[in-house]
Amino acid sequence: MLAEKFIKSAVIYLIIGLLLGLYMAMTQDHSQIPAHAHLNLLGWVTMALMGLVYKSWPPISVSKIAALTYWLSHISVIGLTIGIGLIYAGYPEYEPIAAVSSIVVLINVSLFAVLVHRNL
């Protein structure tokens, strides 16, 4: 179940990322490339890969830590995309959002790494 939630969420982030890319192309305003890249790499690629790992390795997907990684993934993707987007839109005062979200990414990936390494 957790694996499916990760993969479904990843596909939603893929669609949002594609729409952002299309918007940038249509407006010829590519200032949001950093936000676009983070959205696609963390939202689409990382969440899809985590989902595939959980799908292929069911014992690690039932822990509370695994469930926590799902919510931390969303918090970090949304926070980092918005934070970076605002910074590149000319609002540097939103840098703390990106900074905190980056820390959440590190915590999330570290928890995922612990799950994987404990169960090798």
PDB file of N, CA and C in Angstrom:
ATOM      1  N   MET A   1       0.816  -1.199   0.000  1.00  0.00           N
ATOM      2  CA  MET A   1       0.000   0.000   0.000  1.00  0.00           C
ATOM      3  C   MET A   1       0.861   1.264   0.000  1.00  0.00           C
ATOM      4  N   LEU A   2       1.907   1.300   0.852  1.00  0.00           N
ATOM      5  CA  LEU A   2       2.774   2.473   0.901  1.00  0.00           C
ATOM      6  C   LEU A   2       3.485   2.674  -0.434  1.00  0.00           C
ATOM      7  N   ALA A   3       3.945   1.594  -1.026  1.00  0.00           N
ATOM      8  CA  ALA A   3       4.634   1.692  -2.317  1.00  0.00           C
ATOM      9  C   ALA A   3       3.731   2.327  -3.363  1.00  0.00           C
ATOM     10  N   GLU A   4       2.490   1.905  -3.385  1.00  0.00           N
ATOM     11  CA  GLU A   4       1.543   2.447  -4.361  1.00  0.00           C
ATOM     12  C   GLU A   4       1.299   3.936  -4.122  1.00  0.00           C
ATOM     13  N   LYS A   5       1.245   4.343  -2.849  1.00  0.00           N
ATOM     14  CA  LYS A   5       1.054   5.763  -2.534  1.00  0.00           C
ATOM     15  C   LYS A   5       2.240   6.587  -3.036  1.00  0.00           C
ATOM     16  N   PHE A   6       3.440   6.058  -2.846  1.00  0.00           N
ATOM     17  CA  PHE A   6       4.632   6.748  -3.339  1.00  0.00           C
ATOM     18  C   PHE A   6       4.580   6.895  -4.856  1.00  0.00           C
ATOM     19  N   ILE A   7       4.269   5.808  -5.548  1.00  0.00           N
ATOM     20  CA  ILE A   7       4.283   5.824  -7.013  1.00  0.00           C
ATOM     21  C   ILE A   7       3.180   6.725  -7.560  1.00  0.00           C
ATOM     22  N   LYS A   8       1.992   6.654  -6.986  1.00  0.00           N
ATOM     23  CA  LYS A   8       0.902   7.533  -7.440  1.00  0.00           C
ATOM     24  C   LYS A   8       1.249   9.002  -7.209  1.00  0.00           C
ATOM     25  N   SER A   9       1.833   9.302  -6.065  1.00  0.00           N
ATOM     26  CA  SER A   9       2.246  10.682  -5.782  1.00  0.00           C
ATOM     27  C   SER A   9       3.323  11.131  -6.758  1.00  0.00           C
ATOM     28  N   ALA A  10       4.256  10.238  -7.057  1.00  0.00           N
ATOM     29  CA  ALA A  10       5.328  10.569  -7.999  1.00  0.00           C
ATOM     30  C   ALA A  10       4.761  10.937  -9.364  1.00  0.00           C
ATOM     31  N   VAL A  11       3.764  10.197  -9.810  1.00  0.00           N
ATOM     32  CA  VAL A  11       3.153  10.486 -11.113  1.00  0.00           C
ATOM     33  C   VAL A  11       2.453  11.851 -11.087  1.00  0.00           C
ATOM     34  N   ILE A  12       1.832  12.184  -9.972  1.00  0.00           N
ATOM     35  CA  ILE A  12       1.199  13.509  -9.852  1.00  0.00           C
ATOM     36  C   ILE A  12       2.259  14.606  -9.942  1.00  0.00           C
ATOM     37  N   TYR A  13       3.396  14.408  -9.246  1.00  0.00           N
ATOM     38  CA  TYR A  13       4.470  15.396  -9.325  1.00  0.00           C
ATOM     39  C   TYR A  13       5.048  15.474 -10.737  1.00  0.00           C
ATOM     40  N   LEU A  14       5.094  14.347 -11.439  1.00  0.00           N
ATOM     41  CA  LEU A  14       5.549  14.355 -12.833  1.00  0.00           C
ATOM     42  C   LEU A  14       4.653  15.256 -13.678  1.00  0.00           C
ATOM     43  N   ILE A  15       3.354  15.096 -13.524  1.00  0.00           N
ATOM     44  CA  ILE A  15       2.405  15.910 -14.298  1.00  0.00           C
ATOM     45  C   ILE A  15       2.561  17.392 -13.952  1.00  0.00           C
ATOM     46  N   ILE A  16       2.678  17.698 -12.659  1.00  0.00           N
ATOM     47  CA  ILE A  16       2.861  19.098 -12.251  1.00  0.00           C
ATOM     48  C   ILE A  16       4.168  19.644 -12.829  1.00  0.00           C
ATOM     49  N   GLY A  17       5.223  18.842 -12.783  1.00  0.00           N
ATOM     50  CA  GLY A  17       6.505  19.264 -13.346  1.00  0.00           C
ATOM     51  C   GLY A  17       6.425  19.509 -14.840  1.00  0.00           C
ATOM     52  N   LEU A  18       5.711  18.639 -15.538  1.00  0.00           N
ATOM     53  CA  LEU A  18       5.535  18.832 -16.982  1.00  0.00           C
ATOM     54  C   LEU A  18       4.740  20.096 -17.277  1.00  0.00           C
ATOM     55  N   LEU A  19       3.716  20.347 -16.477  1.00  0.00           N
ATOM     56  CA  LEU A  19       2.928  21.569 -16.667  1.00  0.00           C
ATOM     57  C   LEU A  19       3.763  22.822 -16.405  1.00  0.00           C
ATOM     58  N   LEU A  20       4.612  22.775 -15.383  1.00  0.00           N
ATOM     59  CA  LEU A  20       5.493  23.914 -15.109  1.00  0.00           C
ATOM     60  C   LEU A  20       6.462  24.120 -16.269  1.00  0.00           C
ATOM     61  N   GLY A  21       7.009  23.028 -16.794  1.00  0.00           N
ATOM     62  CA  GLY A  21       7.901  23.136 -17.946  1.00  0.00           C
ATOM     63  C   GLY A  21       7.195  23.702 -19.166  1.00  0.00           C
ATOM     64  N   LEU A  22       5.974  23.266 -19.392  1.00  0.00           N
ATOM     65  CA  LEU A  22       5.183  23.778 -20.515  1.00  0.00           C
ATOM     66  C   LEU A  22       4.903  25.267 -20.336  1.00  0.00           C
ATOM     67  N   TYR A  23       4.564  25.665 -19.119  1.00  0.00           N
ATOM     68  CA  TYR A  23       4.321  27.083 -18.827  1.00  0.00           C
ATOM     69  C   TYR A  23       5.573  27.914 -19.122  1.00  0.00           C
ATOM     70  N   MET A  24       6.729  27.412 -18.682  1.00  0.00           N
ATOM     71  CA  MET A  24       7.967  28.155 -18.931  1.00  0.00           C
ATOM     72  C   MET A  24       8.234  28.279 -20.429  1.00  0.00           C
ATOM     73  N   ALA A  25       7.980  27.213 -21.165  1.00  0.00           N
ATOM     74  CA  ALA A  25       8.200  27.249 -22.615  1.00  0.00           C
ATOM     75  C   ALA A  25       7.239  28.221 -23.298  1.00  0.00           C
ATOM     76  N   MET A  26       5.990  28.199 -22.882  1.00  0.00           N
ATOM     77  CA  MET A  26       4.988  29.062 -23.515  1.00  0.00           C
ATOM     78  C   MET A  26       5.232  30.544 -23.233  1.00  0.00           C
ATOM     79  N   THR A  27       5.703  30.841 -22.032  1.00  0.00           N
ATOM     80  CA  THR A  27       5.917  32.240 -21.659  1.00  0.00           C
ATOM     81  C   THR A  27       7.336  32.720 -21.965  1.00  0.00           C
ATOM     82  N   GLN A  28       8.201  31.789 -22.354  1.00  0.00           N
ATOM     83  CA  GLN A  28       9.621  32.099 -22.583  1.00  0.00           C
ATOM     84  C   GLN A  28      10.280  32.678 -21.332  1.00  0.00           C
ATOM     85  N   ASP A  29       9.742  32.328 -20.170  1.00  0.00           N
ATOM     86  CA  ASP A  29      10.313  32.741 -18.889  1.00  0.00           C
ATOM     87  C   ASP A  29      10.837  31.483 -18.208  1.00  0.00           C
ATOM     88  N   HIS A  30      12.134  31.303 -18.249  1.00  0.00           N
ATOM     89  CA  HIS A  30      12.739  30.089 -17.707  1.00  0.00           C
ATOM     90  C   HIS A  30      13.370  30.316 -16.330  1.00  0.00           C
ATOM     91  N   SER A  31      12.909  31.336 -15.643  1.00  0.00           N
ATOM     92  CA  SER A  31      13.471  31.653 -14.333  1.00  0.00           C
ATOM     93  C   SER A  31      13.158  30.585 -13.288  1.00  0.00           C
ATOM     94  N   GLN A  32      12.189  29.737 -13.557  1.00  0.00           N
ATOM     95  CA  GLN A  32      11.800  28.713 -12.587  1.00  0.00           C
ATOM     96  C   GLN A  32      12.460  27.354 -12.845  1.00  0.00           C
ATOM     97  N   ILE A  33      13.495  27.326 -13.692  1.00  0.00           N
ATOM     98  CA  ILE A  33      14.173  26.055 -13.966  1.00  0.00           C
ATOM     99  C   ILE A  33      14.662  25.380 -12.682  1.00  0.00           C
ATOM    100  N   PRO A  34      15.264  26.096 -11.716  1.00  0.00           N
ATOM    101  CA  PRO A  34      15.688  25.413 -10.490  1.00  0.00           C
ATOM    102  C   PRO A  34      14.515  24.774  -9.726  1.00  0.00           C
ATOM    103  N   ALA A  35      13.393  25.464  -9.636  1.00  0.00           N
ATOM    104  CA  ALA A  35      12.219  24.892  -8.960  1.00  0.00           C
ATOM    105  C   ALA A  35      11.697  23.693  -9.748  1.00  0.00           C
ATOM    106  N   HIS A  36      11.674  23.820 -11.057  1.00  0.00           N
ATOM    107  CA  HIS A  36      11.236  22.744 -11.950  1.00  0.00           C
ATOM    108  C   HIS A  36      12.115  21.504 -11.762  1.00  0.00           C
ATOM    109  N   ALA A  37      13.423  21.714 -11.701  1.00  0.00           N
ATOM    110  CA  ALA A  37      14.356  20.600 -11.529  1.00  0.00           C
ATOM    111  C   ALA A  37      14.151  19.909 -10.182  1.00  0.00           C
ATOM    112  N   HIS A  38      13.999  20.688  -9.122  1.00  0.00           N
ATOM    113  CA  HIS A  38      13.792  20.085  -7.806  1.00  0.00           C
ATOM    114  C   HIS A  38      12.465  19.336  -7.738  1.00  0.00           C
ATOM    115  N   LEU A  39      11.444  19.896  -8.325  1.00  0.00           N
ATOM    116  CA  LEU A  39      10.139  19.228  -8.356  1.00  0.00           C
ATOM    117  C   LEU A  39      10.243  17.884  -9.069  1.00  0.00           C
ATOM    118  N   ASN A  40      10.907  17.865 -10.217  1.00  0.00           N
ATOM    119  CA  ASN A  40      11.017  16.624 -10.975  1.00  0.00           C
ATOM    120  C   ASN A  40      11.938  15.608 -10.311  1.00  0.00           C
ATOM    121  N   LEU A  41      13.066  16.063  -9.773  1.00  0.00           N
ATOM    122  CA  LEU A  41      14.009  15.116  -9.183  1.00  0.00           C
ATOM    123  C   LEU A  41      13.548  14.579  -7.834  1.00  0.00           C
ATOM    124  N   LEU A  42      12.986  15.440  -7.002  1.00  0.00           N
ATOM    125  CA  LEU A  42      12.519  14.965  -5.699  1.00  0.00           C
ATOM    126  C   LEU A  42      11.109  14.389  -5.770  1.00  0.00           C
ATOM    127  N   GLY A  43      10.239  15.065  -6.496  1.00  0.00           N
ATOM    128  CA  GLY A  43       8.846  14.625  -6.560  1.00  0.00           C
ATOM    129  C   GLY A  43       8.638  13.423  -7.448  1.00  0.00           C
ATOM    130  N   TRP A  44       9.172  13.473  -8.647  1.00  0.00           N
ATOM    131  CA  TRP A  44       8.971  12.382  -9.597  1.00  0.00           C
ATOM    132  C   TRP A  44       9.998  11.277  -9.387  1.00  0.00           C
ATOM    133  N   VAL A  45      11.273  11.578  -9.580  1.00  0.00           N
ATOM    134  CA  VAL A  45      12.296  10.535  -9.599  1.00  0.00           C
ATOM    135  C   VAL A  45      12.502   9.900  -8.224  1.00  0.00           C
ATOM    136  N   THR A  46      12.766  10.709  -7.210  1.00  0.00           N
ATOM    137  CA  THR A  46      13.070  10.150  -5.891  1.00  0.00           C
ATOM    138  C   THR A  46      11.875   9.404  -5.306  1.00  0.00           C
ATOM    139  N   MET A  47      10.689   9.987  -5.397  1.00  0.00           N
ATOM    140  CA  MET A  47       9.520   9.301  -4.836  1.00  0.00           C
ATOM    141  C   MET A  47       9.187   8.032  -5.619  1.00  0.00           C
ATOM    142  N   ALA A  48       9.374   8.050  -6.927  1.00  0.00           N
ATOM    143  CA  ALA A  48       9.131   6.839  -7.718  1.00  0.00           C
ATOM    144  C   ALA A  48      10.124   5.745  -7.332  1.00  0.00           C
ATOM    145  N   LEU A  49      11.392   6.112  -7.182  1.00  0.00           N
ATOM    146  CA  LEU A  49      12.395   5.118  -6.798  1.00  0.00           C
ATOM    147  C   LEU A  49      12.147   4.576  -5.394  1.00  0.00           C
ATOM    148  N   MET A  50      11.790   5.457  -4.476  1.00  0.00           N
ATOM    149  CA  MET A  50      11.476   4.980  -3.126  1.00  0.00           C
ATOM    150  C   MET A  50      10.279   4.034  -3.175  1.00  0.00           C
ATOM    151  N   GLY A  51       9.271   4.385  -3.956  1.00  0.00           N
ATOM    152  CA  GLY A  51       8.108   3.517  -4.104  1.00  0.00           C
ATOM    153  C   GLY A  51       8.471   2.161  -4.680  1.00  0.00           C
ATOM    154  N   LEU A  52       9.351   2.153  -5.666  1.00  0.00           N
ATOM    155  CA  LEU A  52       9.773   0.881  -6.263  1.00  0.00           C
ATOM    156  C   LEU A  52      10.581   0.037  -5.283  1.00  0.00           C
ATOM    157  N   VAL A  53      11.408   0.689  -4.468  1.00  0.00           N
ATOM    158  CA  VAL A  53      12.148  -0.051  -3.439  1.00  0.00           C
ATOM    159  C   VAL A  53      11.174  -0.647  -2.432  1.00  0.00           C
ATOM    160  N   TYR A  54      10.211   0.142  -1.971  1.00  0.00           N
ATOM    161  CA  TYR A  54       9.222  -0.374  -1.023  1.00  0.00           C
ATOM    162  C   TYR A  54       8.387  -1.495  -1.651  1.00  0.00           C
ATOM    163  N   LYS A  55       8.090  -1.388  -2.928  1.00  0.00           N
ATOM    164  CA  LYS A  55       7.294  -2.411  -3.620  1.00  0.00           C
ATOM    165  C   LYS A  55       8.077  -3.715  -3.744  1.00  0.00           C
ATOM    166  N   SER A  56       9.356  -3.613  -4.051  1.00  0.00           N
ATOM    167  CA  SER A  56      10.159  -4.818  -4.257  1.00  0.00           C
ATOM    168  C   SER A  56      10.686  -5.406  -2.950  1.00  0.00           C
ATOM    169  N   TRP A  57      10.529  -4.659  -1.863  1.00  0.00           N
ATOM    170  CA  TRP A  57      11.055  -5.080  -0.568  1.00  0.00           C
ATOM    171  C   TRP A  57       9.991  -4.837   0.506  1.00  0.00           C
ATOM    172  N   PRO A  58       8.895  -5.584   0.464  1.00  0.00           N
ATOM    173  CA  PRO A  58       7.741  -5.317   1.343  1.00  0.00           C
ATOM    174  C   PRO A  58       8.028  -5.238   2.844  1.00  0.00           C
ATOM    175  N   PRO A  59       8.958  -6.030   3.397  1.00  0.00           N
ATOM    176  CA  PRO A  59       9.158  -5.942   4.849  1.00  0.00           C
ATOM    177  C   PRO A  59       9.534  -4.547   5.355  1.00  0.00           C
ATOM    178  N   ILE A  60      10.256  -3.774   4.567  1.00  0.00           N
ATOM    179  CA  ILE A  60      10.646  -2.449   5.071  1.00  0.00           C
ATOM    180  C   ILE A  60       9.541  -1.415   4.901  1.00  0.00           C
ATOM    181  N   SER A  61       8.528  -1.746   4.118  1.00  0.00           N
ATOM    182  CA  SER A  61       7.474  -0.758   3.850  1.00  0.00           C
ATOM    183  C   SER A  61       6.408  -0.693   4.940  1.00  0.00           C
ATOM    184  N   VAL A  62       6.462  -1.593   5.902  1.00  0.00           N
ATOM    185  CA  VAL A  62       5.414  -1.618   6.928  1.00  0.00           C
ATOM    186  C   VAL A  62       5.812  -0.905   8.223  1.00  0.00           C
ATOM    187  N   SER A  63       7.015  -0.387   8.276  1.00  0.00           N
ATOM    188  CA  SER A  63       7.460   0.272   9.506  1.00  0.00           C
ATOM    189  C   SER A  63       6.910   1.698   9.606  1.00  0.00           C
ATOM    190  N   LYS A  64       6.923   2.213  10.827  1.00  0.00           N
ATOM    191  CA  LYS A  64       6.494   3.597  11.044  1.00  0.00           C
ATOM    192  C   LYS A  64       7.456   4.571  10.368  1.00  0.00           C
ATOM    193  N   ILE A  65       8.725   4.200  10.323  1.00  0.00           N
ATOM    194  CA  ILE A  65       9.706   5.059   9.658  1.00  0.00           C
ATOM    195  C   ILE A  65       9.390   5.161   8.173  1.00  0.00           C
ATOM    196  N   ALA A  66       8.997   4.059   7.556  1.00  0.00           N
ATOM    197  CA  ALA A  66       8.646   4.083   6.129  1.00  0.00           C
ATOM    198  C   ALA A  66       7.460   5.014   5.891  1.00  0.00           C
ATOM    199  N   ALA A  67       6.459   4.930   6.750  1.00  0.00           N
ATOM    200  CA  ALA A  67       5.301   5.824   6.611  1.00  0.00           C
ATOM    201  C   ALA A  67       5.724   7.280   6.791  1.00  0.00           C
ATOM    202  N   LEU A  68       6.646   7.520   7.713  1.00  0.00           N
ATOM    203  CA  LEU A  68       7.142   8.875   7.937  1.00  0.00           C
ATOM    204  C   LEU A  68       7.853   9.407   6.692  1.00  0.00           C
ATOM    205  N   THR A  69       8.595   8.534   5.996  1.00  0.00           N
ATOM    206  CA  THR A  69       9.299   8.991   4.793  1.00  0.00           C
ATOM    207  C   THR A  69       8.324   9.453   3.714  1.00  0.00           C
ATOM    208  N   TYR A  70       7.140   8.887   3.701  1.00  0.00           N
ATOM    209  CA  TYR A  70       6.134   9.316   2.721  1.00  0.00           C
ATOM    210  C   TYR A  70       5.735  10.771   2.979  1.00  0.00           C
ATOM    211  N   TRP A  71       5.432  11.085   4.219  1.00  0.00           N
ATOM    212  CA  TRP A  71       4.989  12.441   4.552  1.00  0.00           C
ATOM    213  C   TRP A  71       6.139  13.440   4.476  1.00  0.00           C
ATOM    214  N   LEU A  72       7.319  13.033   4.893  1.00  0.00           N
ATOM    215  CA  LEU A  72       8.473  13.927   4.780  1.00  0.00           C
ATOM    216  C   LEU A  72       8.810  14.212   3.316  1.00  0.00           C
ATOM    217  N   SER A  73       8.577  13.229   2.458  1.00  0.00           N
ATOM    218  CA  SER A  73       8.800  13.441   1.022  1.00  0.00           C
ATOM    219  C   SER A  73       7.906  14.557   0.505  1.00  0.00           C
ATOM    220  N   HIS A  74       6.635  14.501   0.861  1.00  0.00           N
ATOM    221  CA  HIS A  74       5.704  15.544   0.409  1.00  0.00           C
ATOM    222  C   HIS A  74       6.071  16.914   0.971  1.00  0.00           C
ATOM    223  N   ILE A  75       6.374  16.964   2.252  1.00  0.00           N
ATOM    224  CA  ILE A  75       6.737  18.235   2.884  1.00  0.00           C
ATOM    225  C   ILE A  75       7.954  18.841   2.199  1.00  0.00           C
ATOM    226  N   SER A  76       8.955  18.001   1.933  1.00  0.00           N
ATOM    227  CA  SER A  76      10.183  18.523   1.336  1.00  0.00           C
ATOM    228  C   SER A  76      10.001  18.913  -0.124  1.00  0.00           C
ATOM    229  N   VAL A  77       9.269  18.127  -0.896  1.00  0.00           N
ATOM    230  CA  VAL A  77       9.045  18.465  -2.312  1.00  0.00           C
ATOM    231  C   VAL A  77       8.277  19.778  -2.423  1.00  0.00           C
ATOM    232  N   ILE A  78       7.193  19.877  -1.697  1.00  0.00           N
ATOM    233  CA  ILE A  78       6.362  21.085  -1.778  1.00  0.00           C
ATOM    234  C   ILE A  78       7.119  22.299  -1.234  1.00  0.00           C
ATOM    235  N   GLY A  79       7.742  22.140  -0.077  1.00  0.00           N
ATOM    236  CA  GLY A  79       8.467  23.253   0.528  1.00  0.00           C
ATOM    237  C   GLY A  79       9.629  23.732  -0.319  1.00  0.00           C
ATOM    238  N   LEU A  80      10.413  22.794  -0.841  1.00  0.00           N
ATOM    239  CA  LEU A  80      11.571  23.181  -1.639  1.00  0.00           C
ATOM    240  C   LEU A  80      11.159  23.786  -2.974  1.00  0.00           C
ATOM    241  N   THR A  81      10.141  23.223  -3.603  1.00  0.00           N
ATOM    242  CA  THR A  81       9.676  23.768  -4.880  1.00  0.00           C
ATOM    243  C   THR A  81       9.142  25.188  -4.698  1.00  0.00           C
ATOM    244  N   ILE A  82       8.329  25.387  -3.678  1.00  0.00           N
ATOM    245  CA  ILE A  82       7.786  26.727  -3.426  1.00  0.00           C
ATOM    246  C   ILE A  82       8.896  27.688  -3.004  1.00  0.00           C
ATOM    247  N   GLY A  83       9.751  27.252  -2.086  1.00  0.00           N
ATOM    248  CA  GLY A  83      10.830  28.114  -1.613  1.00  0.00           C
ATOM    249  C   GLY A  83      11.759  28.550  -2.731  1.00  0.00           C
ATOM    250  N   ILE A  84      12.221  27.601  -3.526  1.00  0.00           N
ATOM    251  CA  ILE A  84      13.116  27.932  -4.637  1.00  0.00           C
ATOM    252  C   ILE A  84      12.381  28.760  -5.683  1.00  0.00           C
ATOM    253  N   GLY A  85      11.134  28.406  -5.935  1.00  0.00           N
ATOM    254  CA  GLY A  85      10.349  29.180  -6.896  1.00  0.00           C
ATOM    255  C   GLY A  85      10.225  30.634  -6.493  1.00  0.00           C
ATOM    256  N   LEU A  86       9.968  30.877  -5.219  1.00  0.00           N
ATOM    257  CA  LEU A  86       9.845  32.258  -4.736  1.00  0.00           C
ATOM    258  C   LEU A  86      11.184  32.994  -4.769  1.00  0.00           C
ATOM    259  N   ILE A  87      12.251  32.295  -4.427  1.00  0.00           N
ATOM    260  CA  ILE A  87      13.577  32.922  -4.479  1.00  0.00           C
ATOM    261  C   ILE A  87      13.882  33.390  -5.899  1.00  0.00           C
ATOM    262  N   TYR A  88      13.646  32.507  -6.865  1.00  0.00           N
ATOM    263  CA  TYR A  88      13.952  32.849  -8.262  1.00  0.00           C
ATOM    264  C   TYR A  88      12.912  33.778  -8.885  1.00  0.00           C
ATOM    265  N   ALA A  89      11.812  33.996  -8.190  1.00  0.00           N
ATOM    266  CA  ALA A  89      10.829  34.985  -8.646  1.00  0.00           C
ATOM    267  C   ALA A  89      11.147  36.366  -8.071  1.00  0.00           C
ATOM    268  N   GLY A  90      12.243  36.446  -7.324  1.00  0.00           N
ATOM    269  CA  GLY A  90      12.663  37.741  -6.804  1.00  0.00           C
ATOM    270  C   GLY A  90      12.304  38.000  -5.355  1.00  0.00           C
ATOM    271  N   TYR A  91      12.044  36.942  -4.608  1.00  0.00           N
ATOM    272  CA  TYR A  91      11.686  37.090  -3.199  1.00  0.00           C
ATOM    273  C   TYR A  91      12.696  36.348  -2.317  1.00  0.00           C
ATOM    274  N   PRO A  92      13.891  36.898  -2.139  1.00  0.00           N
ATOM    275  CA  PRO A  92      14.929  36.206  -1.376  1.00  0.00           C
ATOM    276  C   PRO A  92      14.577  35.982   0.093  1.00  0.00           C
ATOM    277  N   GLU A  93      13.597  36.706   0.596  1.00  0.00           N
ATOM    278  CA  GLU A  93      13.206  36.530   2.003  1.00  0.00           C
ATOM    279  C   GLU A  93      12.590  35.153   2.266  1.00  0.00           C
ATOM    280  N   TYR A  94      12.282  34.408   1.205  1.00  0.00           N
ATOM    281  CA  TYR A  94      11.724  33.063   1.368  1.00  0.00           C
ATOM    282  C   TYR A  94      12.798  31.981   1.379  1.00  0.00           C
ATOM    283  N   GLU A  95      14.057  32.396   1.425  1.00  0.00           N
ATOM    284  CA  GLU A  95      15.148  31.432   1.474  1.00  0.00           C
ATOM    285  C   GLU A  95      15.049  30.482   2.667  1.00  0.00           C
ATOM    286  N   PRO A  96      14.576  30.922   3.843  1.00  0.00           N
ATOM    287  CA  PRO A  96      14.437  29.972   4.957  1.00  0.00           C
ATOM    288  C   PRO A  96      13.518  28.783   4.639  1.00  0.00           C
ATOM    289  N   ILE A  97      12.503  28.992   3.808  1.00  0.00           N
ATOM    290  CA  ILE A  97      11.626  27.875   3.423  1.00  0.00           C
ATOM    291  C   ILE A  97      12.430  26.833   2.664  1.00  0.00           C
ATOM    292  N   ALA A  98      13.251  27.285   1.733  1.00  0.00           N
ATOM    293  CA  ALA A  98      14.085  26.361   0.968  1.00  0.00           C
ATOM    294  C   ALA A  98      15.117  25.695   1.873  1.00  0.00           C
ATOM    295  N   ALA A  99      15.686  26.452   2.798  1.00  0.00           N
ATOM    296  CA  ALA A  99      16.703  25.900   3.692  1.00  0.00           C
ATOM    297  C   ALA A  99      16.123  24.820   4.599  1.00  0.00           C
ATOM    298  N   VAL A 100      14.994  25.108   5.221  1.00  0.00           N
ATOM    299  CA  VAL A 100      14.358  24.120   6.106  1.00  0.00           C
ATOM    300  C   VAL A 100      13.928  22.895   5.302  1.00  0.00           C
ATOM    301  N   SER A 101      13.397  23.116   4.120  1.00  0.00           N
ATOM    302  CA  SER A 101      12.965  22.000   3.273  1.00  0.00           C
ATOM    303  C   SER A 101      14.150  21.136   2.857  1.00  0.00           C
ATOM    304  N   SER A 102      15.302  21.752   2.632  1.00  0.00           N
ATOM    305  CA  SER A 102      16.511  20.988   2.302  1.00  0.00           C
ATOM    306  C   SER A 102      16.924  20.095   3.466  1.00  0.00           C
ATOM    307  N   ILE A 103      16.786  20.604   4.671  1.00  0.00           N
ATOM    308  CA  ILE A 103      17.095  19.800   5.857  1.00  0.00           C
ATOM    309  C   ILE A 103      16.114  18.636   5.964  1.00  0.00           C
ATOM    310  N   VAL A 104      14.848  18.884   5.663  1.00  0.00           N
ATOM    311  CA  VAL A 104      13.843  17.809   5.680  1.00  0.00           C
ATOM    312  C   VAL A 104      14.199  16.742   4.643  1.00  0.00           C
ATOM    313  N   VAL A 105      14.693  17.158   3.476  1.00  0.00           N
ATOM    314  CA  VAL A 105      15.134  16.194   2.458  1.00  0.00           C
ATOM    315  C   VAL A 105      16.241  15.313   3.032  1.00  0.00           C
ATOM    316  N   LEU A 106      17.217  15.928   3.670  1.00  0.00           N
ATOM    317  CA  LEU A 106      18.334  15.177   4.244  1.00  0.00           C
ATOM    318  C   LEU A 106      17.856  14.192   5.307  1.00  0.00           C
ATOM    319  N   ILE A 107      16.977  14.627   6.181  1.00  0.00           N
ATOM    320  CA  ILE A 107      16.428  13.742   7.215  1.00  0.00           C
ATOM    321  C   ILE A 107      15.670  12.590   6.568  1.00  0.00           C
ATOM    322  N   ASN A 108      14.847  12.905   5.594  1.00  0.00           N
ATOM    323  CA  ASN A 108      14.031  11.897   4.926  1.00  0.00           C
ATOM    324  C   ASN A 108      14.892  10.839   4.243  1.00  0.00           C
ATOM    325  N   VAL A 109      15.865  11.277   3.471  1.00  0.00           N
ATOM    326  CA  VAL A 109      16.723  10.334   2.752  1.00  0.00           C
ATOM    327  C   VAL A 109      17.569   9.533   3.739  1.00  0.00           C
ATOM    328  N   SER A 110      17.973  10.148   4.834  1.00  0.00           N
ATOM    329  CA  SER A 110      18.729   9.427   5.860  1.00  0.00           C
ATOM    330  C   SER A 110      17.884   8.329   6.495  1.00  0.00           C
ATOM    331  N   LEU A 111      16.625   8.626   6.792  1.00  0.00           N
ATOM    332  CA  LEU A 111      15.730   7.602   7.345  1.00  0.00           C
ATOM    333  C   LEU A 111      15.541   6.456   6.358  1.00  0.00           C
ATOM    334  N   PHE A 112      15.365   6.792   5.095  1.00  0.00           N
ATOM    335  CA  PHE A 112      15.224   5.775   4.053  1.00  0.00           C
ATOM    336  C   PHE A 112      16.491   4.919   3.973  1.00  0.00           C
ATOM    337  N   ALA A 113      17.651   5.560   4.039  1.00  0.00           N
ATOM    338  CA  ALA A 113      18.921   4.833   3.988  1.00  0.00           C
ATOM    339  C   ALA A 113      19.061   3.890   5.179  1.00  0.00           C
ATOM    340  N   VAL A 114      18.652   4.336   6.354  1.00  0.00           N
ATOM    341  CA  VAL A 114      18.700   3.475   7.543  1.00  0.00           C
ATOM    342  C   VAL A 114      17.821   2.246   7.337  1.00  0.00           C
ATOM    343  N   LEU A 115      16.616   2.448   6.829  1.00  0.00           N
ATOM    344  CA  LEU A 115      15.724   1.312   6.559  1.00  0.00           C
ATOM    345  C   LEU A 115      16.361   0.317   5.601  1.00  0.00           C
ATOM    346  N   VAL A 116      16.928   0.821   4.540  1.00  0.00           N
ATOM    347  CA  VAL A 116      17.535  -0.056   3.534  1.00  0.00           C
ATOM    348  C   VAL A 116      18.729  -0.796   4.120  1.00  0.00           C
ATOM    349  N   HIS A 117      19.627  -0.075   4.776  1.00  0.00           N
ATOM    350  CA  HIS A 117      20.845  -0.699   5.290  1.00  0.00           C
ATOM    351  C   HIS A 117      20.584  -1.671   6.435  1.00  0.00           C
ATOM    352  N   ARG A 118      19.592  -1.411   7.247  1.00  0.00           N
ATOM    353  CA  ARG A 118      19.262  -2.334   8.338  1.00  0.00           C
ATOM    354  C   ARG A 118      18.698  -3.653   7.819  1.00  0.00           C
ATOM    355  N   ASN A 119      18.151  -3.626   6.628  1.00  0.00           N
ATOM    356  CA  ASN A 119      17.463  -4.806   6.110  1.00  0.00           C
ATOM    357  C   ASN A 119      18.174  -5.454   4.930  1.00  0.00           C
ATOM    358  N   LEU A 120      19.434  -5.128   4.727  1.00  0.00           N
ATOM    359  CA  LEU A 120      20.198  -5.774   3.651  1.00  0.00           C
ATOM    360  C   LEU A 120      20.562  -7.189   4.031  1.00  0.00           C
TER     361      LEU A 120
END
